[in-house]
Protein backbone atom coordinates (compact mmCIF):
# COMPACT_ATOMS: atom_id res chain seq x y z
CA MET A 1 120.68 75.26 113.59
CA ARG A 2 117.99 72.77 114.64
CA PRO A 3 114.48 73.20 116.10
CA ASN A 4 115.69 71.85 119.46
CA SER A 5 118.49 74.42 119.84
CA GLU A 6 117.98 77.21 122.40
CA TYR A 7 117.18 80.80 121.47
CA ILE A 8 118.18 83.92 123.42
CA PHE A 9 116.11 87.08 122.88
CA SER A 10 118.61 89.80 122.06
CA LYS A 11 116.93 92.69 123.91
CA SER A 12 115.75 90.98 127.10
CA GLY A 13 118.22 88.11 127.42
CA LEU A 14 115.32 85.72 128.01
CA LYS A 15 116.18 82.19 126.91
CA SER A 16 113.88 79.71 125.18
CA ARG A 17 114.94 76.09 125.62
CA ASN A 18 114.14 75.34 121.97
CA ARG A 19 112.66 76.83 118.77
CA THR A 20 109.11 75.50 119.24
CA PHE A 21 106.29 78.02 119.47
CA LEU A 22 102.74 77.05 120.42
CA ALA A 23 100.52 79.43 118.49
CA ALA A 24 97.29 80.80 119.94
CA MET A 25 94.30 78.51 119.44
CA THR A 26 90.61 79.12 120.01
CA ASN A 27 89.36 76.47 122.41
CA LYS A 28 86.27 77.99 124.10
CA GLN A 29 87.28 76.69 127.55
CA SER A 30 87.13 79.96 129.52
CA HIS A 31 84.16 81.18 131.56
CA GLU A 32 81.68 83.54 129.95
CA ASP A 33 82.93 86.49 132.05
CA GLY A 34 86.41 85.99 130.60
CA VAL A 35 87.87 84.38 133.72
CA LEU A 36 90.23 81.49 132.96
CA SER A 37 88.95 78.02 133.71
CA GLU A 38 90.98 75.19 135.21
CA ALA A 39 90.56 73.38 131.88
CA GLU A 40 92.28 76.20 129.99
CA ILE A 41 95.17 76.30 132.47
CA THR A 42 95.54 72.50 132.37
CA TRP A 43 95.58 72.43 128.54
CA LEU A 44 98.47 74.89 128.25
CA THR A 45 100.40 73.68 131.29
CA ARG A 46 100.50 70.17 129.79
CA ARG A 47 102.23 71.55 126.69
CA ALA A 48 104.74 73.40 128.86
CA LYS A 49 105.48 70.21 130.82
CA ASP A 50 105.93 68.37 127.54
CA GLY A 51 108.57 70.71 126.21
CA PHE A 52 107.32 73.70 124.21
CA GLY A 53 109.75 76.63 124.26
CA VAL A 54 107.23 79.46 123.90
CA ILE A 55 103.52 79.12 124.65
CA THR A 56 100.81 81.56 123.56
CA THR A 57 97.38 81.61 125.18
CA ALA A 58 94.18 81.69 123.18
CA ALA A 59 93.16 85.13 121.90
CA SER A 60 91.89 87.28 124.76
CA HIS A 61 89.77 90.40 124.31
CA VAL A 62 91.10 93.69 125.69
CA SER A 63 87.71 95.44 125.82
CA GLU A 64 84.56 94.18 127.48
CA HIS A 65 82.64 94.49 124.22
CA GLY A 66 85.37 93.16 121.91
CA LYS A 67 84.55 89.49 122.43
CA GLY A 68 84.64 87.31 119.33
CA TRP A 69 83.16 83.97 120.53
CA ASN A 70 81.78 82.07 123.50
CA GLY A 71 84.28 80.74 126.03
CA GLU A 72 86.89 83.39 125.19
CA MET A 73 89.41 84.41 127.84
CA GLY A 74 89.45 88.07 128.86
CA VAL A 75 92.11 90.58 129.85
CA TRP A 76 89.84 93.64 130.08
CA ASP A 77 89.30 93.66 133.85
CA ASP A 78 91.35 93.20 137.00
CA SER A 79 89.07 90.30 137.98
CA HIS A 80 90.95 88.30 135.33
CA ILE A 81 94.35 88.72 137.04
CA PRO A 82 94.12 85.80 139.57
CA GLY A 83 93.49 83.25 136.80
CA LEU A 84 96.16 84.81 134.61
CA THR A 85 98.61 84.68 137.52
CA LYS A 86 97.91 80.99 138.12
CA MET A 87 98.50 80.19 134.45
CA ALA A 88 101.66 82.31 134.18
CA THR A 89 103.08 80.68 137.32
CA GLN A 90 102.48 77.15 136.05
CA LEU A 91 103.96 77.88 132.62
CA ARG A 92 107.07 79.39 134.22
CA GLU A 93 107.44 76.47 136.65
CA ASN A 94 107.51 74.19 133.61
CA ASN A 95 110.20 76.27 131.85
CA SER A 96 108.17 77.73 129.00
CA ILE A 97 108.20 81.38 127.95
CA SER A 98 104.62 82.61 128.16
CA LEU A 99 102.70 85.10 126.03
CA VAL A 100 99.08 86.24 126.18
CA GLN A 101 97.60 86.96 122.76
CA ILE A 102 95.60 90.20 123.02
CA PHE A 103 93.01 91.32 120.49
CA HIS A 104 89.66 92.96 119.79
CA GLY A 105 87.13 91.40 117.44
CA GLY A 106 86.07 94.69 115.82
CA MET A 107 83.40 93.91 113.24
CA LYS A 108 83.85 90.22 114.19
CA ALA A 109 82.63 90.87 117.76
CA PRO A 110 78.98 89.85 117.27
CA SER A 111 76.18 91.90 118.84
CA GLU A 112 74.60 88.78 120.39
CA LEU A 113 77.73 88.35 122.53
CA ASN A 114 78.42 92.03 123.22
CA SER A 115 74.93 93.56 123.39
CA ARG A 116 75.82 96.30 120.89
CA ILE A 117 76.54 96.79 117.23
CA PRO A 118 80.12 95.84 116.29
CA VAL A 119 82.70 98.55 115.53
CA CYS A 120 85.10 98.86 112.61
CA PRO A 121 87.48 101.54 111.26
CA SER A 122 84.73 102.35 108.71
CA GLU A 123 81.03 101.58 108.56
CA MET A 124 80.30 98.17 107.06
CA LYS A 125 77.04 97.15 105.40
CA ASP A 126 75.69 93.80 104.25
CA ASN A 127 74.45 93.00 100.76
CA GLU A 128 71.04 94.46 101.59
CA GLY A 129 72.49 97.77 102.74
CA LYS A 130 72.00 97.12 106.46
CA THR A 131 74.75 98.45 108.77
CA VAL A 132 76.56 95.50 110.36
CA ALA A 133 79.40 97.52 111.97
CA ARG A 134 79.61 101.22 112.76
CA GLU A 135 82.59 103.50 112.25
CA LEU A 136 84.80 104.22 115.25
CA GLU A 137 85.08 107.79 116.54
CA LEU A 138 88.59 109.15 117.08
CA SER A 139 88.01 109.24 120.84
CA GLU A 140 87.04 105.56 120.73
CA ILE A 141 90.26 104.71 118.89
CA ASN A 142 92.21 106.35 121.71
CA ASP A 143 90.15 104.37 124.25
CA LEU A 144 90.98 101.14 122.40
CA ILE A 145 94.70 101.93 122.43
CA ASN A 146 94.38 102.38 126.20
CA ASP A 147 92.50 99.06 126.45
CA PHE A 148 95.35 97.23 124.70
CA THR A 149 97.85 98.98 126.98
CA ASN A 150 95.98 98.16 130.19
CA ALA A 151 95.59 94.56 129.06
CA ALA A 152 99.36 94.27 128.55
CA LEU A 153 99.94 95.71 132.02
CA ARG A 154 97.61 93.11 133.54
CA CYS A 155 99.54 90.37 131.76
CA GLU A 156 102.85 91.67 133.10
CA LYS A 157 101.38 92.03 136.60
CA ALA A 158 100.19 88.40 136.39
CA GLY A 159 103.74 87.25 135.61
CA PHE A 160 103.64 86.52 131.87
CA ASP A 161 106.85 87.03 129.92
CA GLY A 162 105.08 89.05 127.26
CA ILE A 163 102.10 89.58 124.98
CA GLU A 164 101.34 88.89 121.36
CA ILE A 165 99.36 91.63 119.61
CA HIS A 166 96.96 89.87 117.23
CA GLY A 167 97.12 91.80 113.98
CA ALA A 168 96.11 88.81 111.82
CA HIS A 169 92.98 86.91 110.75
CA SER A 170 90.65 89.86 110.01
CA TYR A 171 90.13 91.09 113.57
CA LEU A 172 90.19 94.78 114.52
CA ILE A 173 93.88 95.52 113.87
CA SER A 174 93.65 93.75 110.50
CA GLN A 175 90.53 95.79 109.78
CA PHE A 176 92.58 98.97 110.17
CA LEU A 177 95.17 97.57 107.74
CA GLY A 178 92.62 96.54 105.09
CA VAL A 179 91.46 98.99 102.39
CA LYS A 180 87.97 97.47 102.30
CA THR A 181 87.37 97.85 106.03
CA ASN A 182 89.31 101.10 106.47
CA ARG A 183 88.13 103.93 104.24
CA ARG A 184 88.82 106.68 106.77
CA ASN A 185 89.95 110.18 105.78
CA ASP A 186 91.81 111.01 109.00
CA GLN A 187 95.25 110.04 110.33
CA TYR A 188 94.14 106.40 110.65
CA GLY A 189 93.11 105.89 107.02
CA GLY A 190 94.38 106.25 103.47
CA SER A 191 98.06 105.36 102.98
CA ILE A 192 99.51 102.14 104.37
CA GLU A 193 101.44 104.30 106.86
CA ASN A 194 98.15 105.74 108.14
CA ARG A 195 96.39 102.37 108.20
CA PHE A 196 99.35 101.02 110.20
CA ARG A 197 99.07 103.88 112.72
CA PHE A 198 96.58 102.10 115.01
CA LEU A 199 98.93 99.13 115.47
CA LYS A 200 101.90 101.48 115.76
CA ASP A 201 100.21 103.54 118.48
CA ILE A 202 99.32 100.38 120.41
CA ILE A 203 102.94 99.18 120.37
CA ILE A 204 104.29 102.60 121.40
CA SER A 205 101.76 102.89 124.22
CA ILE A 206 102.46 99.40 125.57
CA ARG A 207 106.22 99.79 125.35
CA GLU A 208 106.05 103.04 127.34
CA VAL A 209 104.45 101.36 130.37
CA VAL A 210 105.81 97.79 130.53
CA SER A 211 109.32 96.86 131.62
CA LYS A 212 112.06 96.71 128.98
CA ASN A 213 112.36 92.93 129.37
CA PHE A 214 108.64 92.33 128.73
CA LEU A 215 108.33 90.69 125.31
CA ILE A 216 106.16 92.21 122.59
CA SER A 217 105.26 89.91 119.71
CA VAL A 218 103.12 90.99 116.75
CA ARG A 219 101.24 88.53 114.54
CA ILE A 220 100.12 89.47 111.03
CA SER A 221 98.62 87.70 108.03
CA PRO A 222 100.55 88.05 104.76
CA LYS A 223 97.40 88.58 102.70
CA ILE A 224 93.63 88.83 103.33
CA ASN A 225 91.60 89.45 100.20
CA THR A 226 88.26 89.73 102.01
CA ILE A 227 89.22 92.91 103.86
CA GLY A 228 91.73 94.25 101.35
CA ILE A 229 95.20 93.45 102.70
CA SER A 230 97.67 92.81 99.87
CA LEU A 231 101.00 91.02 100.08
CA GLU A 232 102.73 94.31 99.17
CA ASP A 233 100.98 96.06 102.07
CA SER A 234 102.03 93.33 104.50
CA LEU A 235 105.67 93.62 103.41
CA GLU A 236 105.46 97.38 104.05
CA VAL A 237 103.87 96.74 107.44
CA THR A 238 106.68 94.30 108.24
CA LYS A 239 109.32 96.94 107.41
CA MET A 240 107.62 99.50 109.69
CA LEU A 241 106.96 96.97 112.45
CA THR A 242 110.51 95.74 112.65
CA GLU A 243 111.82 99.28 113.07
CA MET A 244 109.85 99.46 116.33
CA GLU A 245 110.63 98.16 119.79
CA ILE A 246 109.25 94.67 119.35
CA ASP A 247 110.87 91.34 120.19
CA MET A 248 109.03 88.90 117.96
CA PHE A 249 107.46 88.98 114.50
CA HIS A 250 104.92 86.24 113.80
CA LEU A 251 103.82 85.47 110.24
CA SER A 252 100.54 83.54 110.13
CA CYS A 253 100.75 81.67 106.82
CA TRP A 254 97.99 79.03 107.15
CA ASP A 255 100.24 76.91 104.91
CA VAL A 256 103.98 77.58 105.02
CA PHE A 257 104.52 75.35 101.98
CA ASP A 258 102.25 77.36 99.67
CA LYS A 259 104.11 79.16 96.86
CA SER A 260 101.07 80.40 94.94
CA THR A 261 101.14 83.95 96.31
CA SER A 262 104.65 84.94 95.33
CA GLY A 263 106.41 82.06 93.57
CA THR A 264 108.37 81.31 96.74
CA ASN A 265 107.28 80.28 100.21
CA LEU A 266 106.16 83.13 102.45
CA THR A 267 108.67 82.42 105.24
CA LYS A 268 111.57 82.88 102.84
CA LEU A 269 109.92 85.91 101.21
CA PHE A 270 109.55 87.83 104.49
CA ARG A 271 112.92 86.80 105.99
CA PRO A 272 114.98 89.70 104.53
CA PHE A 273 112.61 92.23 106.13
CA VAL A 274 113.07 90.89 109.68
CA PRO A 275 116.36 91.90 111.36
CA GLN A 276 118.29 89.30 113.33
CA SER A 277 117.56 91.18 116.56
CA ILE A 278 113.86 90.23 116.28
CA ALA A 279 112.72 86.61 116.65
CA TYR A 280 110.95 85.46 113.50
CA ILE A 281 108.08 82.96 113.89
CA SER A 282 106.29 81.32 110.98
CA THR A 283 103.18 79.18 111.39
CA GLY A 284 100.97 77.05 109.17
CA ALA A 285 100.56 73.31 108.41
CA ILE A 286 103.79 72.09 110.05
CA TRP A 287 103.45 68.49 111.23
CA THR A 288 106.66 66.41 111.14
CA ALA A 289 110.25 66.82 112.31
CA ALA A 290 111.27 67.19 108.66
CA ASP A 291 108.71 70.01 108.26
CA ALA A 292 110.18 71.79 111.28
CA ARG A 293 113.75 71.52 110.00
CA TRP A 294 112.65 72.76 106.57
CA LEU A 295 110.99 75.85 108.10
CA ILE A 296 114.16 76.74 110.00
CA GLU A 297 116.09 76.37 106.73
CA GLN A 298 113.72 78.90 105.11
CA GLY A 299 114.74 81.47 107.71
CA ALA A 300 112.37 81.11 110.66
CA ASP A 301 113.84 81.37 114.15
CA PHE A 302 110.82 79.60 115.67
CA VAL A 303 108.55 76.88 114.32
CA GLY A 304 104.97 77.83 115.09
CA VAL A 305 102.38 75.05 115.37
CA ALA A 306 98.79 74.76 116.44
CA ARG A 307 96.81 71.73 115.19
CA VAL A 308 99.56 69.14 115.68
CA ALA A 309 99.91 70.18 119.35
CA ILE A 310 96.23 69.51 120.05
CA ALA A 311 96.63 65.74 119.96
CA HIS A 312 100.41 65.67 120.52
CA PRO A 313 101.29 67.77 123.60
CA ASP A 314 104.84 66.37 123.49
CA TRP A 315 105.44 67.42 119.86
CA ALA A 316 108.30 69.70 120.94
CA LYS A 317 110.18 66.65 122.28
CA GLY A 318 109.15 64.45 119.38
CA ILE A 319 110.87 66.58 116.77
CA GLU A 320 114.22 65.85 118.42
CA LEU A 321 113.93 62.53 116.56
CA GLU A 322 115.07 62.70 112.95
CA ASN A 323 112.10 60.84 111.44
CA TYR A 324 109.33 61.88 113.84
CA GLU A 325 105.96 61.73 112.07
CA PRO A 326 103.12 61.99 114.61
CA LYS A 327 99.72 60.50 113.84
CA ARG A 328 97.43 62.69 111.75
CA PRO A 329 93.65 63.18 112.16
CA PRO A 330 91.13 61.85 112.75
CA PHE A 331 91.61 61.37 116.50
CA THR A 332 89.26 59.64 118.89
CA GLU A 333 87.62 61.59 121.71
CA ASN A 334 89.63 59.53 124.21
CA GLU A 335 92.91 60.42 122.52
CA LEU A 336 92.07 64.12 122.81
CA LEU A 337 90.84 63.86 126.40
CA GLU A 338 94.10 62.06 127.30
CA ALA A 339 95.97 65.01 125.74
CA ASP A 340 94.26 67.23 128.35
CA LEU A 341 91.55 68.78 126.20
CA SER A 342 88.29 69.31 128.06
CA GLN A 343 85.05 67.93 126.64
CA VAL A 344 84.18 71.50 125.60
CA PHE A 345 87.37 71.71 123.52
CA VAL A 346 86.80 68.26 122.03
CA ASP A 347 83.27 69.23 121.03
CA TYR A 348 84.59 72.42 119.43
CA MET A 349 87.13 70.40 117.42
CA LYS A 350 84.25 68.38 115.97
CA ASN A 351 83.52 71.48 113.89
CA TRP A 352 86.87 70.95 112.12
CA LYS A 353 86.18 68.55 109.29
CA GLY A 354 87.87 65.21 109.79
CA PHE A 355 89.65 66.09 113.05
CA VAL A 356 87.61 64.04 115.52
CA GLN A 357 86.70 60.44 114.65
């Protein structure tokens, strides 16, 4: 099996032309009301034209007050549907499977952007004892589950092939999974089964209202020390997740080659817990064709990439060549603009050390 071989999703029959997966990337190109900009649509459409099998949008907030950063796309209101429809149409016309990544910032949804104190499964205080996030009420948890569900419905109405539920990187769903951010005493706290319940209820609620062919992907981090997610917990979450009606499981490794956590690479470690009926994506530090082949050999069904696709929109075609080794950073502003990044995106990438010349 090679990265350029096609993949057929077992439950829906949807076909991906290859095993390349463009992971969600913050790019700050949307309008401040969450409406998609032409720049955002152009950026992703270029990568569809240039061969990616599955394309994920940037993270998009499901609640008006769940915004994590400026220029973030939204899926919390019907006013977002026209832009979403335009993007979904262009991705489909260019033969890519399309997913919207849906999330809520939780305690990482700053008050200066959302005009209110952030929320978290449990109250969070800073080193001086000041409350920086308040605890969610049960009724608010139910409202958030509805927000995720309504967001998924908007994505399906707009014509996307599916959604990716963002349970990684310390945002709200991760905060429910972490023992440091979730110290609740009700059905949403305590055991890993209870801490998983928020994500579980979101999946159940979405699956009840979308069509059976609408793809549900879930992205998790294998370990996050800062909020108290252990590798053992993530393996348990994976077991519970893959018993549900999902189509894709996405492991966000940061570095797929790292063996320090478990003595083996994470892709290989998680592979036995993901049944063949669910597409397995692994992401983190892949760059060359050899890297992509290696990741498939470790058990991944899809090779997830982010950074390499910023400057190399045709990466999915490039890895068809045995010895493909695309240029590494730093890149000039012109190189990035020619790859259909807007000036806003280029300026954001200047915050990544050594990426822009």
